[in-house]
């Protein structure tokens, strides 16, 4: 049984007058905020607003880097050259670091978003580019990875701290991969079910896959997507269930680093 776990969410994804999720409410619940860097979502003003909220609540901040895909919300696979991807990751981390400094906080980790996250979990070559970009900016930054994926060991071998992550609101395949969003049932919406699954995960290191089999998922951080309709209710239910279950909910990276 794990005695403590981080609870994170993808935030800072507003764009102009278009609003995505409820960052203010989520920042009162989560311990880490994966803040958009403008490539899949987020504009400078709204990102800064989210960072100020994170600083006020003592919530750790991570750079939620992505493919340059505003229209597809970063969830469409893209083929970039090594130089393009390297520069894009460096650029996004640097932009967030500048805004975070103004907000009175810092960036402590990197969590790739969407299609980039899924690609580097199992694509060693593309993962190496992201790892190199992170190390070029700051080798002390942690990398949040899909729990059980080859990326965890690859990041650690390169000298980065890897933080294995599970998803509260996503269904799993028997091999530990996430069910594709294109398939029915990939996204979970029931706060009580989500909370029960996460308590099971933290206590046993396992989850029930969509075929009913049990899959090992040993995670240090749990994510609730901020763009889900019931995101706030799910995050609140997960935190409550973990706390009542005797689990310390705290960030794996110090806030304001």
C-alpha atoms as a PDB file:
ATOM      1  CA  UNK A   1       0.000   0.000   0.000  1.00  0.00           C
ATOM      2  CA  UNK A   2       1.286   3.462  -0.931  1.00  0.00           C
ATOM      3  CA  UNK A   3       1.203   5.913   1.980  1.00  0.00           C
ATOM      4  CA  UNK A   4       1.080   9.062  -0.134  1.00  0.00           C
ATOM      5  CA  UNK A   5       0.131  10.129  -3.655  1.00  0.00           C
ATOM      6  CA  UNK A   6       0.053  13.289  -5.724  1.00  0.00           C
ATOM      7  CA  UNK A   7      -3.220  14.497  -7.296  1.00  0.00           C
ATOM      8  CA  UNK A   8      -2.785  16.491 -10.500  1.00  0.00           C
ATOM      9  CA  UNK A   9      -4.936  18.075 -13.176  1.00  0.00           C
ATOM     10  CA  UNK A  10      -4.443  19.711 -16.586  1.00  0.00           C
ATOM     11  CA  UNK A  11      -5.125  23.420 -16.158  1.00  0.00           C
ATOM     12  CA  UNK A  12      -4.505  26.775 -17.828  1.00  0.00           C
ATOM     13  CA  UNK A  13      -6.332  25.634 -20.956  1.00  0.00           C
ATOM     14  CA  UNK A  14      -8.562  28.687 -21.509  1.00  0.00           C
ATOM     15  CA  UNK A  15      -8.103  30.566 -24.771  1.00  0.00           C
ATOM     16  CA  UNK A  16      -9.270  34.161 -24.994  1.00  0.00           C
ATOM     17  CA  UNK A  17     -12.967  34.362 -24.141  1.00  0.00           C
ATOM     18  CA  UNK A  18     -13.300  30.560 -24.503  1.00  0.00           C
ATOM     19  CA  UNK A  19     -13.127  28.823 -21.120  1.00  0.00           C
ATOM     20  CA  UNK A  20     -12.048  25.260 -20.440  1.00  0.00           C
ATOM     21  CA  UNK A  21     -12.787  23.793 -17.032  1.00  0.00           C
ATOM     22  CA  UNK A  22     -12.815  25.457 -13.617  1.00  0.00           C
ATOM     23  CA  UNK A  23      -9.209  26.157 -12.647  1.00  0.00           C
ATOM     24  CA  UNK A  24     -10.124  28.098  -9.511  1.00  0.00           C
ATOM     25  CA  UNK A  25     -12.090  25.175  -8.078  1.00  0.00           C
ATOM     26  CA  UNK A  26      -9.522  22.570  -9.112  1.00  0.00           C
ATOM     27  CA  UNK A  27      -6.675  24.497  -7.496  1.00  0.00           C
ATOM     28  CA  UNK A  28      -8.444  24.124  -4.144  1.00  0.00           C
ATOM     29  CA  UNK A  29      -8.345  20.317  -4.537  1.00  0.00           C
ATOM     30  CA  UNK A  30      -5.248  19.183  -6.447  1.00  0.00           C
ATOM     31  CA  UNK A  31      -1.646  19.228  -5.273  1.00  0.00           C
ATOM     32  CA  UNK A  32      -0.075  19.688  -8.720  1.00  0.00           C
ATOM     33  CA  UNK A  33      -1.160  21.658 -11.796  1.00  0.00           C
ATOM     34  CA  UNK A  34      -0.072  20.671 -15.300  1.00  0.00           C
ATOM     35  CA  UNK A  35      -0.265  24.089 -16.922  1.00  0.00           C
ATOM     36  CA  UNK A  36      -0.743  24.462 -20.667  1.00  0.00           C
ATOM     37  CA  UNK A  37       2.058  26.251 -22.496  1.00  0.00           C
ATOM     38  CA  UNK A  38       0.134  27.641 -25.455  1.00  0.00           C
ATOM     39  CA  UNK A  39       0.710  24.910 -28.022  1.00  0.00           C
ATOM     40  CA  UNK A  40      -2.436  22.830 -27.451  1.00  0.00           C
ATOM     41  CA  UNK A  41      -4.351  25.381 -25.365  1.00  0.00           C
ATOM     42  CA  UNK A  42      -3.904  28.453 -23.216  1.00  0.00           C
ATOM     43  CA  UNK A  43      -3.112  32.085 -23.904  1.00  0.00           C
ATOM     44  CA  UNK A  44      -0.524  34.096 -21.922  1.00  0.00           C
ATOM     45  CA  UNK A  45      -3.065  36.015 -19.821  1.00  0.00           C
ATOM     46  CA  UNK A  46      -5.071  32.979 -18.748  1.00  0.00           C
ATOM     47  CA  UNK A  47      -1.932  30.910 -18.147  1.00  0.00           C
ATOM     48  CA  UNK A  48      -0.596  33.639 -15.864  1.00  0.00           C
ATOM     49  CA  UNK A  49      -3.926  33.729 -14.025  1.00  0.00           C
ATOM     50  CA  UNK A  50      -3.757  29.986 -13.411  1.00  0.00           C
ATOM     51  CA  UNK A  51      -0.150  30.229 -12.238  1.00  0.00           C
ATOM     52  CA  UNK A  52      -1.074  32.956  -9.765  1.00  0.00           C
ATOM     53  CA  UNK A  53      -3.835  30.721  -8.456  1.00  0.00           C
ATOM     54  CA  UNK A  54      -1.400  27.832  -8.076  1.00  0.00           C
ATOM     55  CA  UNK A  55       1.013  30.045  -6.174  1.00  0.00           C
ATOM     56  CA  UNK A  56      -1.747  31.256  -3.846  1.00  0.00           C
ATOM     57  CA  UNK A  57      -2.805  27.688  -3.020  1.00  0.00           C
ATOM     58  CA  UNK A  58       0.681  26.224  -2.698  1.00  0.00           C
ATOM     59  CA  UNK A  59       0.089  23.928  -5.688  1.00  0.00           C
ATOM     60  CA  UNK A  60       3.115  22.616  -7.583  1.00  0.00           C
ATOM     61  CA  UNK A  61       3.418  23.573 -11.257  1.00  0.00           C
ATOM     62  CA  UNK A  62       4.416  21.463 -14.243  1.00  0.00           C
ATOM     63  CA  UNK A  63       4.889  22.395 -17.893  1.00  0.00           C
ATOM     64  CA  UNK A  64       2.174  20.644 -19.921  1.00  0.00           C
ATOM     65  CA  UNK A  65       4.065  20.586 -23.215  1.00  0.00           C
ATOM     66  CA  UNK A  66       2.368  19.428 -26.407  1.00  0.00           C
ATOM     67  CA  UNK A  67       2.488  19.200 -30.163  1.00  0.00           C
ATOM     68  CA  UNK A  68       1.637  22.527 -31.905  1.00  0.00           C
ATOM     69  CA  UNK A  69      -2.035  21.635 -32.389  1.00  0.00           C
ATOM     70  CA  UNK A  70      -4.520  24.203 -31.100  1.00  0.00           C
ATOM     71  CA  UNK A  71      -7.324  23.009 -33.360  1.00  0.00           C
ATOM     72  CA  UNK A  72      -6.995  19.389 -32.252  1.00  0.00           C
ATOM     73  CA  UNK A  73      -6.294  20.255 -28.595  1.00  0.00           C
ATOM     74  CA  UNK A  74      -2.984  18.425 -28.886  1.00  0.00           C
ATOM     75  CA  UNK A  75      -4.671  15.048 -29.157  1.00  0.00           C
ATOM     76  CA  UNK A  76      -3.792  14.356 -32.804  1.00  0.00           C
ATOM     77  CA  UNK A  77      -0.556  12.490 -33.621  1.00  0.00           C
ATOM     78  CA  UNK A  78       2.000  14.603 -35.467  1.00  0.00           C
ATOM     79  CA  UNK A  79       5.312  13.849 -37.146  1.00  0.00           C
ATOM     80  CA  UNK A  80       7.927  16.474 -36.305  1.00  0.00           C
ATOM     81  CA  UNK A  81      11.624  16.416 -37.024  1.00  0.00           C
ATOM     82  CA  UNK A  82      13.956  15.924 -34.091  1.00  0.00           C
ATOM     83  CA  UNK A  83      15.032  19.579 -34.233  1.00  0.00           C
ATOM     84  CA  UNK A  84      11.431  20.816 -34.342  1.00  0.00           C
ATOM     85  CA  UNK A  85      10.314  18.740 -31.362  1.00  0.00           C
ATOM     86  CA  UNK A  86      13.411  19.613 -29.337  1.00  0.00           C
ATOM     87  CA  UNK A  87      12.925  23.338 -29.916  1.00  0.00           C
ATOM     88  CA  UNK A  88       9.175  23.149 -29.263  1.00  0.00           C
ATOM     89  CA  UNK A  89       9.665  21.482 -25.877  1.00  0.00           C
ATOM     90  CA  UNK A  90      12.428  23.904 -24.848  1.00  0.00           C
ATOM     91  CA  UNK A  91      10.299  26.863 -25.960  1.00  0.00           C
ATOM     92  CA  UNK A  92       7.232  25.753 -24.002  1.00  0.00           C
ATOM     93  CA  UNK A  93       9.113  25.075 -20.780  1.00  0.00           C
ATOM     94  CA  UNK A  94      10.909  28.400 -21.033  1.00  0.00           C
ATOM     95  CA  UNK A  95       7.715  30.351 -21.666  1.00  0.00           C
ATOM     96  CA  UNK A  96       6.035  28.795 -18.640  1.00  0.00           C
ATOM     97  CA  UNK A  97       9.090  29.426 -16.473  1.00  0.00           C
ATOM     98  CA  UNK A  98       8.945  33.122 -17.322  1.00  0.00           C
ATOM     99  CA  UNK A  99       5.246  33.423 -16.524  1.00  0.00           C
ATOM    100  CA  UNK A 100       5.663  31.356 -13.353  1.00  0.00           C
ATOM    101  CA  UNK A 101       8.406  33.670 -12.115  1.00  0.00           C
ATOM    102  CA  UNK A 102       6.100  36.653 -12.508  1.00  0.00           C
ATOM    103  CA  UNK A 103       3.347  34.740 -10.677  1.00  0.00           C
ATOM    104  CA  UNK A 104       5.633  34.069  -7.731  1.00  0.00           C
ATOM    105  CA  UNK A 105       6.149  30.353  -8.291  1.00  0.00           C
ATOM    106  CA  UNK A 106       8.313  28.015 -10.357  1.00  0.00           C
ATOM    107  CA  UNK A 107       8.147  25.025 -12.671  1.00  0.00           C
ATOM    108  CA  UNK A 108       9.093  21.757 -10.991  1.00  0.00           C
ATOM    109  CA  UNK A 109       8.282  19.131 -13.573  1.00  0.00           C
ATOM    110  CA  UNK A 110       7.234  18.437 -17.149  1.00  0.00           C
ATOM    111  CA  UNK A 111       4.190  16.430 -18.192  1.00  0.00           C
ATOM    112  CA  UNK A 112       3.675  15.992 -21.937  1.00  0.00           C
ATOM    113  CA  UNK A 113       0.084  16.320 -23.116  1.00  0.00           C
ATOM    114  CA  UNK A 114      -2.217  14.224 -25.263  1.00  0.00           C
ATOM    115  CA  UNK A 115      -0.748  12.633 -28.373  1.00  0.00           C
ATOM    116  CA  UNK A 116       2.802  13.549 -27.362  1.00  0.00           C
ATOM    117  CA  UNK A 117       2.336  11.900 -23.946  1.00  0.00           C
ATOM    118  CA  UNK A 118       1.025   8.708 -25.513  1.00  0.00           C
ATOM    119  CA  UNK A 119       3.707   8.632 -28.229  1.00  0.00           C
ATOM    120  CA  UNK A 120       6.738   8.970 -25.963  1.00  0.00           C
ATOM    121  CA  UNK A 121       5.391   6.418 -23.498  1.00  0.00           C
ATOM    122  CA  UNK A 122       6.349   3.706 -25.992  1.00  0.00           C
ATOM    123  CA  UNK A 123       8.424   5.408 -28.724  1.00  0.00           C
ATOM    124  CA  UNK A 124      12.019   5.386 -27.497  1.00  0.00           C
ATOM    125  CA  UNK A 125      13.382   7.670 -30.214  1.00  0.00           C
ATOM    126  CA  UNK A 126      10.802  10.410 -29.744  1.00  0.00           C
ATOM    127  CA  UNK A 127      11.046  10.073 -25.969  1.00  0.00           C
ATOM    128  CA  UNK A 128      14.799  10.644 -26.204  1.00  0.00           C
ATOM    129  CA  UNK A 129      14.201  13.997 -27.897  1.00  0.00           C
ATOM    130  CA  UNK A 130      11.838  15.143 -25.143  1.00  0.00           C
ATOM    131  CA  UNK A 131      14.250  13.943 -22.453  1.00  0.00           C
ATOM    132  CA  UNK A 132      17.149  15.777 -24.117  1.00  0.00           C
ATOM    133  CA  UNK A 133      15.083  18.967 -24.317  1.00  0.00           C
ATOM    134  CA  UNK A 134      14.172  18.799 -20.629  1.00  0.00           C
ATOM    135  CA  UNK A 135      17.789  18.168 -19.639  1.00  0.00           C
ATOM    136  CA  UNK A 136      18.918  21.079 -21.802  1.00  0.00           C
ATOM    137  CA  UNK A 137      16.623  23.446 -19.905  1.00  0.00           C
ATOM    138  CA  UNK A 138      17.003  22.048 -16.377  1.00  0.00           C
ATOM    139  CA  UNK A 139      18.060  18.494 -15.502  1.00  0.00           C
ATOM    140  CA  UNK A 140      16.409  18.896 -12.085  1.00  0.00           C
ATOM    141  CA  UNK A 141      12.948  18.945 -13.661  1.00  0.00           C
ATOM    142  CA  UNK A 142      10.984  15.726 -13.093  1.00  0.00           C
ATOM    143  CA  UNK A 143       9.179  13.977 -15.952  1.00  0.00           C
ATOM    144  CA  UNK A 144       5.661  12.660 -15.385  1.00  0.00           C
ATOM    145  CA  UNK A 145       5.245   9.379 -17.303  1.00  0.00           C
ATOM    146  CA  UNK A 146       2.578   6.780 -17.918  1.00  0.00           C
ATOM    147  CA  UNK A 147       2.974   4.230 -15.112  1.00  0.00           C
ATOM    148  CA  UNK A 148       4.363   0.937 -16.350  1.00  0.00           C
ATOM    149  CA  UNK A 149       5.566   2.325 -19.671  1.00  0.00           C
ATOM    150  CA  UNK A 150       9.159   1.968 -20.942  1.00  0.00           C
ATOM    151  CA  UNK A 151       9.535   5.743 -20.590  1.00  0.00           C
ATOM    152  CA  UNK A 152       9.867   5.455 -16.811  1.00  0.00           C
ATOM    153  CA  UNK A 153      13.119   3.489 -17.051  1.00  0.00           C
ATOM    154  CA  UNK A 154      14.342   5.487 -20.050  1.00  0.00           C
ATOM    155  CA  UNK A 155      13.965   8.793 -18.206  1.00  0.00           C
ATOM    156  CA  UNK A 156      15.675   7.471 -15.099  1.00  0.00           C
ATOM    157  CA  UNK A 157      18.556   6.044 -17.162  1.00  0.00           C
ATOM    158  CA  UNK A 158      19.035   9.537 -18.628  1.00  0.00           C
ATOM    159  CA  UNK A 159      19.283  11.048 -15.152  1.00  0.00           C
ATOM    160  CA  UNK A 160      15.799  12.520 -14.848  1.00  0.00           C
ATOM    161  CA  UNK A 161      13.447  11.842 -11.995  1.00  0.00           C
ATOM    162  CA  UNK A 162      10.501   9.896 -13.415  1.00  0.00           C
ATOM    163  CA  UNK A 163       7.094  10.214 -11.747  1.00  0.00           C
ATOM    164  CA  UNK A 164       4.814   7.302 -12.757  1.00  0.00           C
ATOM    165  CA  UNK A 165       1.241   8.486 -13.287  1.00  0.00           C
ATOM    166  CA  UNK A 166      -2.198   6.882 -13.386  1.00  0.00           C
ATOM    167  CA  UNK A 167      -5.407   8.383 -14.777  1.00  0.00           C
ATOM    168  CA  UNK A 168      -8.485   8.490 -12.598  1.00  0.00           C
ATOM    169  CA  UNK A 169     -10.921   9.177 -15.425  1.00  0.00           C
ATOM    170  CA  UNK A 170      -9.549   6.857 -18.129  1.00  0.00           C
ATOM    171  CA  UNK A 171     -10.110   3.181 -18.880  1.00  0.00           C
ATOM    172  CA  UNK A 172      -7.106   0.872 -19.222  1.00  0.00           C
ATOM    173  CA  UNK A 173      -6.114  -1.865 -21.630  1.00  0.00           C
ATOM    174  CA  UNK A 174      -4.826  -5.190 -20.194  1.00  0.00           C
ATOM    175  CA  UNK A 175      -1.242  -4.169 -21.076  1.00  0.00           C
ATOM    176  CA  UNK A 176      -1.467  -0.975 -19.008  1.00  0.00           C
ATOM    177  CA  UNK A 177      -1.989   1.390 -21.947  1.00  0.00           C
ATOM    178  CA  UNK A 178      -4.892   3.831 -21.952  1.00  0.00           C
ATOM    179  CA  UNK A 179      -7.940   2.942 -24.030  1.00  0.00           C
ATOM    180  CA  UNK A 180      -7.998   5.214 -27.088  1.00  0.00           C
ATOM    181  CA  UNK A 181     -10.332   8.184 -26.784  1.00  0.00           C
ATOM    182  CA  UNK A 182     -11.801   7.115 -30.112  1.00  0.00           C
ATOM    183  CA  UNK A 183     -13.336   4.076 -28.448  1.00  0.00           C
ATOM    184  CA  UNK A 184     -16.518   3.978 -26.382  1.00  0.00           C
ATOM    185  CA  UNK A 185     -15.936   3.835 -22.643  1.00  0.00           C
ATOM    186  CA  UNK A 186     -12.436   5.294 -22.817  1.00  0.00           C
ATOM    187  CA  UNK A 187     -13.340   8.206 -20.553  1.00  0.00           C
ATOM    188  CA  UNK A 188     -14.965   7.634 -17.161  1.00  0.00           C
ATOM    189  CA  UNK A 189     -17.463  10.133 -15.746  1.00  0.00           C
ATOM    190  CA  UNK A 190     -18.882   8.725 -12.490  1.00  0.00           C
ATOM    191  CA  UNK A 191     -17.140  10.420  -9.507  1.00  0.00           C
ATOM    192  CA  UNK A 192     -17.903   7.511  -7.156  1.00  0.00           C
ATOM    193  CA  UNK A 193     -16.523   4.910  -9.582  1.00  0.00           C
ATOM    194  CA  UNK A 194     -13.437   6.996 -10.263  1.00  0.00           C
ATOM    195  CA  UNK A 195     -12.782   7.491  -6.533  1.00  0.00           C
ATOM    196  CA  UNK A 196     -13.202   3.778  -5.830  1.00  0.00           C
ATOM    197  CA  UNK A 197     -10.771   2.849  -8.609  1.00  0.00           C
ATOM    198  CA  UNK A 198      -8.128   5.262  -7.362  1.00  0.00           C
ATOM    199  CA  UNK A 199      -8.374   4.010  -3.790  1.00  0.00           C
ATOM    200  CA  UNK A 200      -7.967   0.473  -5.180  1.00  0.00           C
ATOM    201  CA  UNK A 201      -4.960   1.626  -7.179  1.00  0.00           C
ATOM    202  CA  UNK A 202      -3.184   3.237  -4.240  1.00  0.00           C
ATOM    203  CA  UNK A 203      -3.911   0.357  -1.885  1.00  0.00           C
ATOM    204  CA  UNK A 204      -3.099  -2.535  -4.215  1.00  0.00           C
ATOM    205  CA  UNK A 205      -1.057  -1.139  -7.100  1.00  0.00           C
ATOM    206  CA  UNK A 206      -3.594  -2.575  -9.530  1.00  0.00           C
ATOM    207  CA  UNK A 207      -6.588  -1.530 -11.610  1.00  0.00           C
ATOM    208  CA  UNK A 208      -9.286  -3.458 -13.424  1.00  0.00           C
ATOM    209  CA  UNK A 209      -8.784  -3.246 -17.195  1.00  0.00           C
ATOM    210  CA  UNK A 210     -11.708  -2.891 -19.573  1.00  0.00           C
ATOM    211  CA  UNK A 211     -11.764  -6.653 -20.244  1.00  0.00           C
ATOM    212  CA  UNK A 212     -12.075  -7.406 -16.521  1.00  0.00           C
ATOM    213  CA  UNK A 213      -8.462  -8.467 -16.054  1.00  0.00           C
ATOM    214  CA  UNK A 214      -6.265  -6.986 -13.341  1.00  0.00           C
ATOM    215  CA  UNK A 215      -3.347  -4.839 -14.483  1.00  0.00           C
ATOM    216  CA  UNK A 216      -0.451  -3.605 -12.338  1.00  0.00           C
ATOM    217  CA  UNK A 217      -0.344   0.201 -12.233  1.00  0.00           C
ATOM    218  CA  UNK A 218       2.110   1.495  -9.647  1.00  0.00           C
ATOM    219  CA  UNK A 219       1.803   5.264  -9.649  1.00  0.00           C
ATOM    220  CA  UNK A 220       3.085   8.180  -7.594  1.00  0.00           C
ATOM    221  CA  UNK A 221       0.646  10.655  -9.117  1.00  0.00           C
ATOM    222  CA  UNK A 222      -3.021  10.485 -10.146  1.00  0.00           C
ATOM    223  CA  UNK A 223      -4.518  12.722 -12.842  1.00  0.00           C
ATOM    224  CA  UNK A 224      -8.068  14.009 -13.217  1.00  0.00           C
ATOM    225  CA  UNK A 225      -8.457  15.754 -16.577  1.00  0.00           C
ATOM    226  CA  UNK A 226      -9.605  19.341 -16.130  1.00  0.00           C
ATOM    227  CA  UNK A 227     -11.689  19.318 -19.325  1.00  0.00           C
ATOM    228  CA  UNK A 228     -14.038  16.520 -18.203  1.00  0.00           C
ATOM    229  CA  UNK A 229     -17.607  17.740 -17.488  1.00  0.00           C
ATOM    230  CA  UNK A 230     -17.507  16.402 -13.909  1.00  0.00           C
ATOM    231  CA  UNK A 231     -13.810  17.185 -13.329  1.00  0.00           C
ATOM    232  CA  UNK A 232     -14.261  19.102 -10.086  1.00  0.00           C
ATOM    233  CA  UNK A 233     -16.642  16.519  -8.629  1.00  0.00           C
ATOM    234  CA  UNK A 234     -14.283  13.684  -9.608  1.00  0.00           C
ATOM    235  CA  UNK A 235     -11.210  15.391  -8.168  1.00  0.00           C
ATOM    236  CA  UNK A 236     -13.040  16.145  -4.945  1.00  0.00           C
ATOM    237  CA  UNK A 237     -14.317  12.558  -4.680  1.00  0.00           C
ATOM    238  CA  UNK A 238     -10.855  11.108  -5.333  1.00  0.00           C
ATOM    239  CA  UNK A 239      -9.182  13.322  -2.748  1.00  0.00           C
ATOM    240  CA  UNK A 240     -11.875  12.576  -0.177  1.00  0.00           C
ATOM    241  CA  UNK A 241     -11.674   8.814  -0.739  1.00  0.00           C
ATOM    242  CA  UNK A 242      -7.894   8.812  -0.453  1.00  0.00           C
ATOM    243  CA  UNK A 243      -7.884  10.971   2.657  1.00  0.00           C
ATOM    244  CA  UNK A 244     -10.553   8.876   4.387  1.00  0.00           C
ATOM    245  CA  UNK A 245      -8.567   5.808   3.358  1.00  0.00           C
ATOM    246  CA  UNK A 246      -5.541   7.088   5.261  1.00  0.00           C
ATOM    247  CA  UNK A 247      -3.556   8.201   2.191  1.00  0.00           C
ATOM    248  CA  UNK A 248      -1.559  11.417   2.389  1.00  0.00           C
ATOM    249  CA  UNK A 249      -2.347  13.496  -0.701  1.00  0.00           C
ATOM    250  CA  UNK A 250       0.678  15.667  -1.415  1.00  0.00           C
ATOM    251  CA  UNK A 251       2.785  16.825  -4.321  1.00  0.00           C
ATOM    252  CA  UNK A 252       5.822  14.826  -5.385  1.00  0.00           C
ATOM    253  CA  UNK A 253       7.600  18.047  -6.347  1.00  0.00           C
ATOM    254  CA  UNK A 254       7.805  20.980  -3.893  1.00  0.00           C
ATOM    255  CA  UNK A 255       5.582  23.929  -4.809  1.00  0.00           C
ATOM    256  CA  UNK A 256       7.357  27.065  -5.971  1.00  0.00           C
ATOM    257  CA  UNK A 257      10.535  25.254  -7.012  1.00  0.00           C
END
